[in-house]
Amino acid sequence: MTDAHDDTRPPGDLAGLAERQAALVATLVAGGPPPPGFAPAQLAATRAALLRKRAGEVARHWPLLAAGLGARWTTTFAGWAARRPTAGSLRDGWDLARALHNRQALPPAAAEELALREARLRYDGLSAPRPRRMPTVGRAGGAVAVQIAGRVRLLRPAPRPSTVPPVGGDGVPDAAGSALWISD
């Protein structure tokens, strides 16, 4: 019977293998330079597939963010994530939502999703999110959410751009765009 840890290769060979593996991982998930001996076209295809997979995982945690960006979701996420190693789907989505919010490019539904998360969880951008214990207000893109005793409520939805003038009612457009689907 052989020992699983019995290796006849010289110790330097294992260190070199670990370095080559780290370089390959850095290329695939963090935008590092291609390591020698790998075909750049195949590396690019693998990298694109991993970014699409990662975008899908983030979309499961941040469905309103993904839906708000629609057809631009995958390219927006891939452009943002191309040089960032993953911190996990929840945190990746949170960081992207904050980045879009800072650029005033966060869709209204995603602003509400971000405000709810900010009210429910404490996240500093470095460590894992933790539940908040004290009453808190979360704000993003005009949306306001409040958390009291573990319950989170959206107090004010994010303003949505009006594309159609309101029909019926009092003639005053509301922030949620309800005039588009409410009629007399």
N, C-alpha and C. Protein backbone atom coordinates (compact mmCIF):
# COMPACT_ATOMS: atom_id res chain seq x y z
N MET A 1 0.85 -1.17 0.00
CA MET A 1 0.00 0.00 0.00
C MET A 1 0.90 1.23 0.00
N THR A 2 0.51 2.20 -0.80
CA THR A 2 1.33 3.41 -0.89
C THR A 2 0.70 4.52 -0.08
N ASP A 3 1.55 5.35 0.44
CA ASP A 3 1.09 6.52 1.20
C ASP A 3 0.68 7.61 0.22
N ALA A 4 -0.50 8.23 0.44
CA ALA A 4 -1.00 9.27 -0.45
C ALA A 4 -0.08 10.48 -0.47
N HIS A 5 0.68 10.66 0.57
CA HIS A 5 1.57 11.82 0.65
C HIS A 5 2.99 11.48 0.20
N ASP A 6 3.23 10.25 -0.23
CA ASP A 6 4.54 9.84 -0.69
C ASP A 6 4.70 10.31 -2.13
N ASP A 7 5.52 11.34 -2.35
CA ASP A 7 5.71 11.90 -3.67
C ASP A 7 7.19 11.84 -4.00
N THR A 8 7.51 11.34 -5.17
CA THR A 8 8.92 11.18 -5.54
C THR A 8 9.47 12.40 -6.26
N ARG A 9 8.60 13.42 -6.50
CA ARG A 9 9.08 14.64 -7.16
C ARG A 9 9.88 15.48 -6.18
N PRO A 10 10.84 16.21 -6.70
CA PRO A 10 11.61 17.10 -5.80
C PRO A 10 10.70 18.20 -5.25
N PRO A 11 10.98 18.69 -4.02
CA PRO A 11 10.13 19.70 -3.39
C PRO A 11 9.99 20.98 -4.21
N GLY A 12 11.01 21.39 -4.92
CA GLY A 12 10.94 22.60 -5.74
C GLY A 12 9.93 22.47 -6.86
N ASP A 13 9.72 21.25 -7.32
CA ASP A 13 8.75 21.00 -8.39
C ASP A 13 7.33 21.32 -7.91
N LEU A 14 7.01 20.99 -6.67
CA LEU A 14 5.69 21.28 -6.13
C LEU A 14 5.49 22.77 -5.94
N ALA A 15 6.53 23.48 -5.52
CA ALA A 15 6.42 24.93 -5.36
C ALA A 15 6.19 25.58 -6.72
N GLY A 16 6.87 25.10 -7.75
CA GLY A 16 6.67 25.64 -9.09
C GLY A 16 5.27 25.37 -9.60
N LEU A 17 4.74 24.19 -9.28
CA LEU A 17 3.38 23.86 -9.69
C LEU A 17 2.38 24.80 -9.00
N ALA A 18 2.58 25.03 -7.73
CA ALA A 18 1.68 25.94 -6.99
C ALA A 18 1.73 27.34 -7.58
N GLU A 19 2.91 27.81 -7.96
CA GLU A 19 3.04 29.14 -8.58
C GLU A 19 2.32 29.20 -9.92
N ARG A 20 2.48 28.14 -10.73
CA ARG A 20 1.81 28.11 -12.04
C ARG A 20 0.29 28.05 -11.87
N GLN A 21 -0.18 27.27 -10.90
CA GLN A 21 -1.62 27.21 -10.65
C GLN A 21 -2.16 28.57 -10.18
N ALA A 22 -1.43 29.25 -9.31
CA ALA A 22 -1.86 30.57 -8.82
C ALA A 22 -1.91 31.57 -9.98
N ALA A 23 -0.94 31.50 -10.90
CA ALA A 23 -0.94 32.40 -12.05
C ALA A 23 -2.13 32.12 -12.96
N LEU A 24 -2.47 30.85 -13.14
CA LEU A 24 -3.62 30.49 -13.97
C LEU A 24 -4.92 30.98 -13.34
N VAL A 25 -5.07 30.79 -12.04
CA VAL A 25 -6.28 31.26 -11.34
C VAL A 25 -6.37 32.78 -11.43
N ALA A 26 -5.25 33.48 -11.23
CA ALA A 26 -5.26 34.94 -11.33
C ALA A 26 -5.67 35.39 -12.72
N THR A 27 -5.26 34.68 -13.75
CA THR A 27 -5.65 35.02 -15.12
C THR A 27 -7.14 34.82 -15.32
N LEU A 28 -7.67 33.73 -14.80
CA LEU A 28 -9.07 33.39 -15.06
C LEU A 28 -10.06 34.22 -14.25
N VAL A 29 -9.71 34.58 -13.02
CA VAL A 29 -10.71 35.24 -12.17
C VAL A 29 -10.37 36.68 -11.78
N ALA A 30 -9.16 37.12 -12.02
CA ALA A 30 -8.80 38.46 -11.58
C ALA A 30 -8.10 39.28 -12.66
N GLY A 31 -8.14 38.84 -13.89
CA GLY A 31 -7.58 39.63 -14.98
C GLY A 31 -6.08 39.67 -15.02
N GLY A 32 -5.42 38.67 -14.46
CA GLY A 32 -3.96 38.64 -14.49
C GLY A 32 -3.44 38.32 -15.89
N PRO A 33 -2.13 38.52 -16.11
CA PRO A 33 -1.57 38.21 -17.43
C PRO A 33 -1.58 36.70 -17.68
N PRO A 34 -1.71 36.28 -18.94
CA PRO A 34 -1.72 34.84 -19.22
C PRO A 34 -0.39 34.20 -18.87
N PRO A 35 -0.41 33.08 -18.18
CA PRO A 35 0.84 32.40 -17.86
C PRO A 35 1.44 31.75 -19.12
N PRO A 36 2.74 31.55 -19.14
CA PRO A 36 3.36 30.94 -20.31
C PRO A 36 2.86 29.51 -20.51
N GLY A 37 2.74 29.14 -21.78
CA GLY A 37 2.34 27.77 -22.09
C GLY A 37 0.84 27.59 -22.28
N PHE A 38 0.04 28.63 -22.15
CA PHE A 38 -1.40 28.53 -22.34
C PHE A 38 -1.80 29.35 -23.56
N ALA A 39 -2.74 28.81 -24.31
CA ALA A 39 -3.23 29.49 -25.50
C ALA A 39 -4.13 30.65 -25.08
N PRO A 40 -3.81 31.88 -25.47
CA PRO A 40 -4.59 33.04 -25.05
C PRO A 40 -6.07 32.97 -25.46
N ALA A 41 -6.38 32.45 -26.63
CA ALA A 41 -7.78 32.38 -27.07
C ALA A 41 -8.60 31.47 -26.16
N GLN A 42 -8.04 30.33 -25.79
CA GLN A 42 -8.75 29.41 -24.91
C GLN A 42 -8.88 30.00 -23.50
N LEU A 43 -7.87 30.70 -23.04
CA LEU A 43 -7.95 31.36 -21.74
C LEU A 43 -9.03 32.43 -21.75
N ALA A 44 -9.12 33.19 -22.83
CA ALA A 44 -10.14 34.24 -22.93
C ALA A 44 -11.54 33.63 -22.94
N ALA A 45 -11.71 32.53 -23.65
CA ALA A 45 -13.02 31.87 -23.69
C ALA A 45 -13.40 31.32 -22.32
N THR A 46 -12.47 30.73 -21.62
CA THR A 46 -12.73 30.20 -20.28
C THR A 46 -13.04 31.33 -19.32
N ARG A 47 -12.30 32.40 -19.43
CA ARG A 47 -12.51 33.57 -18.57
C ARG A 47 -13.90 34.16 -18.79
N ALA A 48 -14.32 34.29 -20.05
CA ALA A 48 -15.66 34.82 -20.36
C ALA A 48 -16.74 33.90 -19.82
N ALA A 49 -16.55 32.60 -19.93
CA ALA A 49 -17.54 31.65 -19.40
C ALA A 49 -17.63 31.76 -17.88
N LEU A 50 -16.49 31.90 -17.22
CA LEU A 50 -16.51 32.04 -15.75
C LEU A 50 -17.18 33.35 -15.33
N LEU A 51 -16.97 34.42 -16.07
CA LEU A 51 -17.64 35.69 -15.75
C LEU A 51 -19.15 35.59 -15.95
N ARG A 52 -19.59 34.87 -17.02
CA ARG A 52 -21.03 34.67 -17.22
C ARG A 52 -21.63 33.85 -16.09
N LYS A 53 -20.91 32.81 -15.68
CA LYS A 53 -21.38 31.98 -14.57
C LYS A 53 -21.46 32.81 -13.29
N ARG A 54 -20.46 33.59 -13.04
CA ARG A 54 -20.44 34.45 -11.85
C ARG A 54 -21.58 35.46 -11.90
N ALA A 55 -21.87 36.02 -13.08
CA ALA A 55 -22.99 36.96 -13.22
C ALA A 55 -24.31 36.28 -12.90
N GLY A 56 -24.46 35.04 -13.31
CA GLY A 56 -25.67 34.29 -13.00
C GLY A 56 -25.84 34.05 -11.51
N GLU A 57 -24.74 33.75 -10.84
CA GLU A 57 -24.79 33.53 -9.39
C GLU A 57 -25.14 34.82 -8.66
N VAL A 58 -24.57 35.93 -9.09
CA VAL A 58 -24.88 37.22 -8.47
C VAL A 58 -26.34 37.59 -8.73
N ALA A 59 -26.83 37.31 -9.93
CA ALA A 59 -28.23 37.62 -10.27
C ALA A 59 -29.20 36.87 -9.36
N ARG A 60 -28.84 35.69 -8.90
CA ARG A 60 -29.72 34.96 -7.96
C ARG A 60 -29.82 35.67 -6.62
N HIS A 61 -28.77 36.34 -6.20
CA HIS A 61 -28.79 37.09 -4.94
C HIS A 61 -29.33 38.50 -5.11
N TRP A 62 -29.22 39.06 -6.31
CA TRP A 62 -29.63 40.43 -6.61
C TRP A 62 -30.53 40.44 -7.84
N PRO A 63 -31.71 39.83 -7.75
CA PRO A 63 -32.56 39.72 -8.95
C PRO A 63 -33.05 41.06 -9.49
N LEU A 64 -33.31 42.03 -8.63
CA LEU A 64 -33.80 43.32 -9.12
C LEU A 64 -32.68 44.12 -9.79
N LEU A 65 -31.47 43.95 -9.32
CA LEU A 65 -30.32 44.58 -9.97
C LEU A 65 -30.16 44.02 -11.38
N ALA A 66 -30.18 42.69 -11.49
CA ALA A 66 -30.03 42.06 -12.81
C ALA A 66 -31.20 42.42 -13.72
N ALA A 67 -32.42 42.39 -13.20
CA ALA A 67 -33.59 42.72 -14.02
C ALA A 67 -33.59 44.19 -14.41
N GLY A 68 -33.16 45.04 -13.52
CA GLY A 68 -33.13 46.48 -13.82
C GLY A 68 -32.16 46.81 -14.95
N LEU A 69 -31.09 46.06 -15.05
CA LEU A 69 -30.12 46.29 -16.13
C LEU A 69 -30.51 45.56 -17.40
N GLY A 70 -31.40 44.57 -17.28
CA GLY A 70 -31.92 43.86 -18.44
C GLY A 70 -30.83 43.23 -19.29
N ALA A 71 -30.87 43.51 -20.57
CA ALA A 71 -29.92 42.92 -21.52
C ALA A 71 -28.49 43.37 -21.26
N ARG A 72 -28.33 44.47 -20.54
CA ARG A 72 -26.98 44.97 -20.23
C ARG A 72 -26.37 44.29 -19.02
N TRP A 73 -27.12 43.42 -18.32
CA TRP A 73 -26.66 42.84 -17.06
C TRP A 73 -25.30 42.14 -17.21
N THR A 74 -25.21 41.20 -18.12
CA THR A 74 -23.99 40.39 -18.22
C THR A 74 -22.79 41.25 -18.59
N THR A 75 -22.95 42.16 -19.55
CA THR A 75 -21.81 42.99 -19.94
C THR A 75 -21.45 43.98 -18.84
N THR A 76 -22.45 44.54 -18.17
CA THR A 76 -22.17 45.47 -17.07
C THR A 76 -21.42 44.75 -15.96
N PHE A 77 -21.92 43.57 -15.59
CA PHE A 77 -21.26 42.82 -14.52
C PHE A 77 -19.86 42.40 -14.94
N ALA A 78 -19.72 41.87 -16.15
CA ALA A 78 -18.40 41.40 -16.61
C ALA A 78 -17.40 42.55 -16.65
N GLY A 79 -17.83 43.72 -17.09
CA GLY A 79 -16.93 44.88 -17.12
C GLY A 79 -16.49 45.28 -15.72
N TRP A 80 -17.41 45.20 -14.77
CA TRP A 80 -17.09 45.57 -13.40
C TRP A 80 -16.21 44.50 -12.75
N ALA A 81 -16.50 43.23 -12.99
CA ALA A 81 -15.84 42.13 -12.29
C ALA A 81 -14.54 41.66 -12.95
N ALA A 82 -14.24 42.16 -14.13
CA ALA A 82 -13.11 41.63 -14.90
C ALA A 82 -11.79 41.63 -14.13
N ARG A 83 -11.55 42.60 -13.31
CA ARG A 83 -10.27 42.68 -12.59
C ARG A 83 -10.44 42.48 -11.09
N ARG A 84 -11.58 41.94 -10.69
CA ARG A 84 -11.84 41.73 -9.26
C ARG A 84 -12.07 40.25 -8.98
N PRO A 85 -11.29 39.67 -8.09
CA PRO A 85 -11.61 38.29 -7.69
C PRO A 85 -12.92 38.30 -6.91
N THR A 86 -13.64 37.21 -6.97
CA THR A 86 -14.94 37.17 -6.31
C THR A 86 -14.81 37.22 -4.79
N ALA A 87 -15.76 37.88 -4.19
CA ALA A 87 -15.86 37.92 -2.72
C ALA A 87 -17.11 37.15 -2.30
N GLY A 88 -17.72 36.44 -3.24
CA GLY A 88 -18.98 35.75 -3.02
C GLY A 88 -20.09 36.50 -3.73
N SER A 89 -21.13 35.80 -4.11
CA SER A 89 -22.19 36.39 -4.92
C SER A 89 -22.90 37.54 -4.24
N LEU A 90 -23.22 37.40 -2.96
CA LEU A 90 -23.90 38.48 -2.25
C LEU A 90 -23.05 39.74 -2.22
N ARG A 91 -21.79 39.58 -1.86
CA ARG A 91 -20.91 40.74 -1.75
C ARG A 91 -20.56 41.34 -3.10
N ASP A 92 -20.40 40.50 -4.13
CA ASP A 92 -20.14 41.02 -5.47
C ASP A 92 -21.29 41.90 -5.93
N GLY A 93 -22.52 41.42 -5.75
CA GLY A 93 -23.68 42.20 -6.14
C GLY A 93 -23.79 43.49 -5.36
N TRP A 94 -23.49 43.41 -4.08
CA TRP A 94 -23.56 44.60 -3.22
C TRP A 94 -22.54 45.64 -3.68
N ASP A 95 -21.33 45.18 -3.93
CA ASP A 95 -20.28 46.10 -4.38
C ASP A 95 -20.62 46.72 -5.74
N LEU A 96 -21.17 45.92 -6.65
CA LEU A 96 -21.57 46.45 -7.95
C LEU A 96 -22.71 47.46 -7.79
N ALA A 97 -23.70 47.13 -6.96
CA ALA A 97 -24.83 48.05 -6.75
C ALA A 97 -24.33 49.38 -6.18
N ARG A 98 -23.41 49.32 -5.23
CA ARG A 98 -22.86 50.56 -4.67
C ARG A 98 -22.09 51.34 -5.72
N ALA A 99 -21.33 50.63 -6.56
CA ALA A 99 -20.57 51.32 -7.62
C ALA A 99 -21.52 51.99 -8.61
N LEU A 100 -22.59 51.32 -8.99
CA LEU A 100 -23.56 51.92 -9.90
C LEU A 100 -24.28 53.09 -9.24
N HIS A 101 -24.58 52.94 -7.95
CA HIS A 101 -25.23 54.04 -7.21
C HIS A 101 -24.33 55.27 -7.19
N ASN A 102 -23.04 55.07 -6.97
CA ASN A 102 -22.09 56.19 -6.94
C ASN A 102 -22.00 56.90 -8.29
N ARG A 103 -22.25 56.16 -9.37
CA ARG A 103 -22.22 56.76 -10.71
C ARG A 103 -23.61 57.22 -11.16
N GLN A 104 -24.59 57.17 -10.28
CA GLN A 104 -25.99 57.50 -10.60
C GLN A 104 -26.50 56.65 -11.76
N ALA A 105 -26.09 55.39 -11.81
CA ALA A 105 -26.51 54.48 -12.88
C ALA A 105 -27.30 53.29 -12.35
N LEU A 106 -27.75 53.37 -11.10
CA LEU A 106 -28.47 52.27 -10.48
C LEU A 106 -29.95 52.35 -10.87
N PRO A 107 -30.50 51.29 -11.47
CA PRO A 107 -31.93 51.30 -11.82
C PRO A 107 -32.80 51.43 -10.56
N PRO A 108 -34.00 52.02 -10.68
CA PRO A 108 -34.85 52.25 -9.50
C PRO A 108 -35.15 51.00 -8.67
N ALA A 109 -35.51 49.90 -9.32
CA ALA A 109 -35.82 48.68 -8.55
C ALA A 109 -34.57 48.19 -7.81
N ALA A 110 -33.41 48.32 -8.43
CA ALA A 110 -32.17 47.92 -7.78
C ALA A 110 -31.84 48.85 -6.62
N ALA A 111 -32.21 50.14 -6.74
CA ALA A 111 -32.01 51.08 -5.63
C ALA A 111 -32.82 50.64 -4.42
N GLU A 112 -34.05 50.19 -4.66
CA GLU A 112 -34.87 49.69 -3.56
C GLU A 112 -34.26 48.44 -2.95
N GLU A 113 -33.76 47.54 -3.80
CA GLU A 113 -33.12 46.32 -3.32
C GLU A 113 -31.89 46.67 -2.47
N LEU A 114 -31.10 47.62 -2.92
CA LEU A 114 -29.92 48.05 -2.17
C LEU A 114 -30.32 48.71 -0.85
N ALA A 115 -31.32 49.57 -0.87
CA ALA A 115 -31.77 50.23 0.36
C ALA A 115 -32.24 49.21 1.39
N LEU A 116 -32.97 48.19 0.94
CA LEU A 116 -33.43 47.14 1.85
C LEU A 116 -32.26 46.37 2.45
N ARG A 117 -31.27 46.05 1.61
CA ARG A 117 -30.08 45.34 2.12
C ARG A 117 -29.30 46.20 3.11
N GLU A 118 -29.16 47.49 2.78
CA GLU A 118 -28.40 48.39 3.66
C GLU A 118 -29.10 48.52 5.02
N ALA A 119 -30.43 48.47 5.02
CA ALA A 119 -31.16 48.57 6.29
C ALA A 119 -31.07 47.27 7.08
N ARG A 120 -31.07 46.15 6.39
CA ARG A 120 -31.09 44.84 7.07
C ARG A 120 -29.71 44.40 7.55
N LEU A 121 -28.69 44.65 6.75
CA LEU A 121 -27.36 44.12 7.04
C LEU A 121 -26.32 45.22 7.12
N ARG A 122 -25.28 44.98 7.90
CA ARG A 122 -24.14 45.88 8.00
C ARG A 122 -23.03 45.28 7.12
N TYR A 123 -22.57 46.07 6.15
CA TYR A 123 -21.52 45.61 5.24
C TYR A 123 -20.56 46.75 4.99
N ASP A 124 -19.30 46.53 5.35
CA ASP A 124 -18.29 47.57 5.21
C ASP A 124 -17.48 47.46 3.92
N GLY A 125 -17.80 46.50 3.08
CA GLY A 125 -17.07 46.31 1.84
C GLY A 125 -15.86 45.40 1.98
N LEU A 126 -15.55 45.01 3.21
CA LEU A 126 -14.38 44.16 3.43
C LEU A 126 -14.74 42.82 4.06
N SER A 127 -15.53 42.85 5.13
CA SER A 127 -15.88 41.61 5.82
C SER A 127 -17.29 41.19 5.44
N ALA A 128 -17.66 40.00 5.82
CA ALA A 128 -18.98 39.46 5.48
C ALA A 128 -20.09 40.31 6.10
N PRO A 129 -21.21 40.46 5.39
CA PRO A 129 -22.34 41.21 5.95
C PRO A 129 -22.86 40.56 7.23
N ARG A 130 -23.28 41.40 8.17
CA ARG A 130 -23.83 40.92 9.44
C ARG A 130 -25.17 41.59 9.69
N PRO A 131 -26.11 40.90 10.34
CA PRO A 131 -27.40 41.52 10.64
C PRO A 131 -27.24 42.72 11.56
N ARG A 132 -28.05 43.71 11.33
CA ARG A 132 -28.05 44.90 12.19
C ARG A 132 -28.96 44.62 13.38
N ARG A 133 -28.60 45.15 14.53
CA ARG A 133 -29.41 44.95 15.74
C ARG A 133 -30.20 46.20 16.11
N MET A 134 -29.68 47.34 15.81
CA MET A 134 -30.33 48.60 16.17
C MET A 134 -31.20 49.08 15.01
N PRO A 135 -32.19 49.91 15.29
CA PRO A 135 -32.99 50.48 14.20
C PRO A 135 -32.08 51.22 13.22
N THR A 136 -32.37 51.05 11.93
CA THR A 136 -31.51 51.59 10.89
C THR A 136 -32.33 52.05 9.70
N VAL A 137 -31.80 53.03 9.00
CA VAL A 137 -32.39 53.50 7.76
C VAL A 137 -31.40 53.22 6.64
N GLY A 138 -31.90 52.64 5.55
CA GLY A 138 -31.08 52.42 4.36
C GLY A 138 -31.58 53.29 3.24
N ARG A 139 -30.67 53.95 2.52
CA ARG A 139 -31.05 54.84 1.43
C ARG A 139 -30.20 54.53 0.20
N ALA A 140 -30.86 54.57 -0.95
CA ALA A 140 -30.15 54.40 -2.22
C ALA A 140 -31.04 54.90 -3.34
N GLY A 141 -30.54 55.79 -4.15
CA GLY A 141 -31.24 56.25 -5.33
C GLY A 141 -32.64 56.78 -5.07
N GLY A 142 -32.87 57.42 -3.94
CA GLY A 142 -34.18 57.95 -3.61
C GLY A 142 -35.05 56.99 -2.84
N ALA A 143 -34.68 55.71 -2.79
CA ALA A 143 -35.43 54.72 -2.02
C ALA A 143 -35.00 54.80 -0.56
N VAL A 144 -35.97 54.63 0.34
CA VAL A 144 -35.69 54.66 1.76
C VAL A 144 -36.32 53.43 2.40
N ALA A 145 -35.51 52.67 3.13
CA ALA A 145 -35.98 51.50 3.86
C ALA A 145 -35.60 51.67 5.31
N VAL A 146 -36.43 51.13 6.21
CA VAL A 146 -36.15 51.22 7.64
C VAL A 146 -36.21 49.82 8.24
N GLN A 147 -35.33 49.56 9.19
CA GLN A 147 -35.29 48.29 9.90
C GLN A 147 -35.49 48.56 11.37
N ILE A 148 -36.52 47.96 11.94
CA ILE A 148 -36.78 48.06 13.38
C ILE A 148 -37.13 46.67 13.87
N ALA A 149 -36.46 46.24 14.91
CA ALA A 149 -36.71 44.93 15.53
C ALA A 149 -36.64 43.79 14.52
N GLY A 150 -35.69 43.86 13.60
CA GLY A 150 -35.49 42.79 12.63
C GLY A 150 -36.42 42.83 11.43
N ARG A 151 -37.39 43.73 11.41
CA ARG A 151 -38.31 43.85 10.27
C ARG A 151 -37.89 45.03 9.41
N VAL A 152 -37.86 44.81 8.12
CA VAL A 152 -37.44 45.85 7.19
C VAL A 152 -38.62 46.21 6.30
N ARG A 153 -38.85 47.50 6.18
CA ARG A 153 -39.94 48.01 5.34
C ARG A 153 -39.41 49.09 4.41
N LEU A 154 -39.92 49.08 3.20
CA LEU A 154 -39.60 50.12 2.24
C LEU A 154 -40.57 51.27 2.47
N LEU A 155 -40.04 52.42 2.89
CA LEU A 155 -40.89 53.57 3.17
C LEU A 155 -41.17 54.40 1.93
N ARG A 156 -40.13 54.53 1.09
CA ARG A 156 -40.30 55.34 -0.11
C ARG A 156 -39.59 54.62 -1.26
N PRO A 157 -40.33 54.30 -2.32
CA PRO A 157 -39.68 53.67 -3.47
C PRO A 157 -38.80 54.66 -4.21
N ALA A 158 -37.90 54.13 -4.99
CA ALA A 158 -37.03 54.98 -5.80
C ALA A 158 -37.86 55.62 -6.91
N PRO A 159 -37.60 56.88 -7.21
CA PRO A 159 -38.35 57.53 -8.30
C PRO A 159 -38.05 56.87 -9.63
N ARG A 160 -39.08 56.69 -10.41
CA ARG A 160 -38.93 56.10 -11.74
C ARG A 160 -39.21 57.18 -12.77
N PRO A 161 -38.43 57.20 -13.81
CA PRO A 161 -38.67 58.22 -14.85
C PRO A 161 -40.02 57.97 -15.52
N SER A 162 -40.77 59.01 -15.68
CA SER A 162 -42.08 58.90 -16.32
C SER A 162 -41.90 59.00 -17.83
N THR A 163 -42.45 58.01 -18.54
CA THR A 163 -42.36 58.02 -20.00
C THR A 163 -43.69 58.37 -20.64
N VAL A 164 -44.76 58.25 -19.88
CA VAL A 164 -46.09 58.54 -20.39
C VAL A 164 -46.77 59.47 -19.40
N PRO A 165 -47.42 60.53 -19.85
CA PRO A 165 -48.10 61.40 -18.90
C PRO A 165 -49.22 60.63 -18.20
N PRO A 166 -49.51 60.99 -16.94
CA PRO A 166 -50.53 60.27 -16.19
C PRO A 166 -51.89 60.40 -16.86
N VAL A 167 -52.68 59.34 -16.74
CA VAL A 167 -54.02 59.33 -17.31
C VAL A 167 -55.01 59.21 -16.16
N GLY A 168 -56.04 60.07 -16.15
CA GLY A 168 -57.07 59.97 -15.11
C GLY A 168 -56.54 60.41 -13.76
N GLY A 169 -57.25 60.07 -12.71
CA GLY A 169 -56.84 60.40 -11.35
C GLY A 169 -56.80 61.89 -11.16
N ASP A 170 -55.89 62.35 -10.32
CA ASP A 170 -55.80 63.78 -10.02
C ASP A 170 -54.83 64.51 -10.94
N GLY A 171 -54.26 63.79 -11.91
CA GLY A 171 -53.36 64.42 -12.86
C GLY A 171 -51.96 64.67 -12.33
N VAL A 172 -51.68 64.19 -11.11
CA VAL A 172 -50.36 64.37 -10.51
C VAL A 172 -49.60 63.06 -10.62
N PRO A 173 -48.44 63.06 -11.31
CA PRO A 173 -47.68 61.81 -11.43
C PRO A 173 -47.11 61.40 -10.08
N ASP A 174 -47.08 60.11 -9.83
CA ASP A 174 -46.48 59.62 -8.59
C ASP A 174 -45.08 59.09 -8.87
N ALA A 175 -44.30 58.91 -7.80
CA ALA A 175 -42.91 58.50 -7.94
C ALA A 175 -42.77 57.08 -8.46
N ALA A 176 -43.75 56.24 -8.21
CA ALA A 176 -43.64 54.83 -8.61
C ALA A 176 -44.10 54.59 -10.03
N GLY A 177 -44.62 55.60 -10.71
CA GLY A 177 -45.08 55.41 -12.07
C GLY A 177 -46.39 54.66 -12.16
N SER A 178 -47.19 54.67 -11.09
CA SER A 178 -48.43 53.93 -11.05
C SER A 178 -49.41 54.38 -12.11
N ALA A 179 -49.30 55.61 -12.58
CA ALA A 179 -50.22 56.11 -13.60
C ALA A 179 -50.14 55.28 -14.86
N LEU A 180 -49.05 54.56 -15.04
CA LEU A 180 -48.91 53.75 -16.22
C LEU A 180 -49.82 52.53 -16.20
N TRP A 181 -50.19 52.05 -15.03
CA TRP A 181 -51.03 50.85 -14.97
C TRP A 181 -52.33 51.04 -14.20
N ILE A 182 -52.57 52.20 -13.61
CA ILE A 182 -53.82 52.46 -12.92
C ILE A 182 -54.68 53.36 -13.81
N SER A 183 -55.91 52.95 -14.02
CA SER A 183 -56.81 53.80 -14.81
C SER A 183 -58.12 53.96 -14.05
N ASP A 184 -58.90 54.95 -14.47
CA ASP A 184 -60.19 55.19 -13.81
C ASP A 184 -61.18 54.12 -14.18
